[in-house]
Protein backbone atom coordinates (compact mmCIF):
# COMPACT_ATOMS: atom_id res chain seq x y z
CA MET A 1 0.00 0.00 0.00
CA LEU A 2 2.85 2.45 0.75
CA GLN A 3 4.89 3.41 -2.28
CA GLU A 4 8.31 4.94 -1.63
CA ILE A 5 8.81 7.86 -4.00
CA GLY A 6 12.02 9.28 -2.54
CA GLU A 7 14.33 8.97 0.42
CA ASP A 8 12.04 8.95 3.47
CA ILE A 9 8.97 9.92 1.39
CA TRP A 10 5.99 7.64 0.70
CA ILE A 11 2.52 7.93 -0.77
CA ALA A 12 -0.51 5.87 0.17
CA GLU A 13 -3.31 5.64 -2.36
CA GLY A 14 -6.75 5.69 -0.77
CA GLU A 15 -10.28 5.10 -1.88
CA ILE A 16 -12.36 7.32 -4.11
CA VAL A 17 -14.70 9.63 -2.20
CA ASN A 18 -17.61 11.72 -3.46
CA PHE A 19 -17.65 15.45 -2.83
CA PHE A 20 -20.68 17.36 -4.10
CA GLY A 21 -21.43 14.45 -6.44
CA PHE A 22 -17.96 14.28 -7.99
CA PRO A 23 -15.55 11.38 -7.44
CA TYR A 24 -12.15 12.26 -6.00
CA PRO A 25 -9.27 9.84 -5.48
CA THR A 26 -7.52 10.15 -2.12
CA ARG A 27 -3.79 10.03 -1.50
CA ALA A 28 -1.68 10.63 1.59
CA VAL A 29 1.94 11.71 1.69
CA LEU A 30 4.15 10.49 4.52
CA VAL A 31 7.56 11.98 5.24
CA ARG A 32 10.01 10.64 7.81
CA LEU A 33 11.37 13.47 9.94
CA ASP A 34 14.84 13.72 11.46
CA ASP A 35 13.53 12.36 14.78
CA GLY A 36 12.16 9.23 13.03
CA GLY A 37 8.53 10.31 13.36
CA LEU A 38 6.21 10.82 10.41
CA TRP A 39 4.54 13.91 8.98
CA VAL A 40 1.31 12.76 7.31
CA TRP A 41 -0.41 15.03 4.78
CA SER A 42 -4.08 14.32 4.03
CA PRO A 43 -4.48 10.93 5.75
CA VAL A 44 -6.41 8.26 3.82
CA ALA A 45 -8.59 5.48 5.27
CA LEU A 46 -6.52 3.65 7.88
CA SER A 47 -6.68 -0.08 7.17
CA GLU A 48 -4.90 -2.75 9.22
CA GLU A 49 -2.56 -3.30 6.26
CA LEU A 50 -1.63 0.38 6.15
CA ARG A 51 -1.12 0.48 9.94
CA ALA A 52 1.29 -2.47 9.69
CA GLU A 53 3.28 -0.74 6.95
CA ILE A 54 3.39 2.50 8.93
CA ALA A 55 4.67 0.61 11.98
CA ARG A 56 7.70 -0.41 9.90
CA ILE A 57 8.66 3.15 8.95
CA GLY A 58 7.91 5.19 12.09
CA PRO A 59 5.22 6.65 14.31
CA PRO A 60 3.00 9.43 12.96
CA ARG A 61 3.81 12.66 14.84
CA HIS A 62 1.95 15.23 12.72
CA LEU A 63 -1.40 14.78 10.95
CA VAL A 64 -2.08 17.52 8.42
CA SER A 65 -5.43 18.45 6.89
CA PRO A 66 -4.44 21.24 4.47
CA ASN A 67 -8.02 22.39 3.88
CA LYS A 68 -11.64 21.56 4.62
CA ILE A 69 -11.88 18.60 2.23
CA HIS A 70 -8.91 16.60 3.54
CA HIS A 71 -10.30 15.78 6.98
CA LEU A 72 -12.35 12.62 6.42
CA TYR A 73 -9.97 10.22 8.16
CA LEU A 74 -8.32 12.48 10.75
CA LYS A 75 -10.42 11.16 13.63
CA ASP A 76 -9.42 7.54 12.92
CA TRP A 77 -5.75 8.47 12.67
CA LYS A 78 -5.86 10.53 15.87
CA ALA A 79 -7.47 7.59 17.68
CA ALA A 80 -4.78 5.23 16.38
CA TYR A 81 -1.94 7.68 17.07
CA PRO A 82 -3.06 9.81 20.04
CA GLU A 83 0.37 11.41 20.47
CA ALA A 84 0.23 12.91 16.97
CA LEU A 85 -0.46 16.63 16.63
CA LEU A 86 -3.30 17.81 14.38
CA TRP A 87 -2.64 20.61 11.88
CA GLY A 88 -5.15 22.39 9.64
CA PRO A 89 -7.98 24.93 9.67
CA GLN A 90 -9.31 25.28 13.23
CA SER A 91 -12.85 24.39 12.14
CA THR A 92 -11.58 21.13 10.65
CA ILE A 93 -9.49 20.25 13.69
CA ASP A 94 -12.44 20.91 16.01
CA LYS A 95 -14.68 18.71 13.86
CA ARG A 96 -12.28 15.74 13.83
CA ARG A 97 -10.75 15.79 17.31
């Protein structure tokens, strides 16, 4: 599920979601930081398979929702990785805490 695209950089392809009737593919970007933790941009659905792959590369430390349409899976990720910090628009963070 994780595809390494550079040194310490991976993408995870997610499912297609509908937004206002239009299909959108989802994709997360994971970057390993100097401390070994992960910065996760736009988390996708968190399957057991994906969790196992993430466990091999490092613990998520930062979960980023860059705008109001990238928040669908934040709550699941925060539950799985409670130490991770949430980043994004305040309204989105409040909705997915």
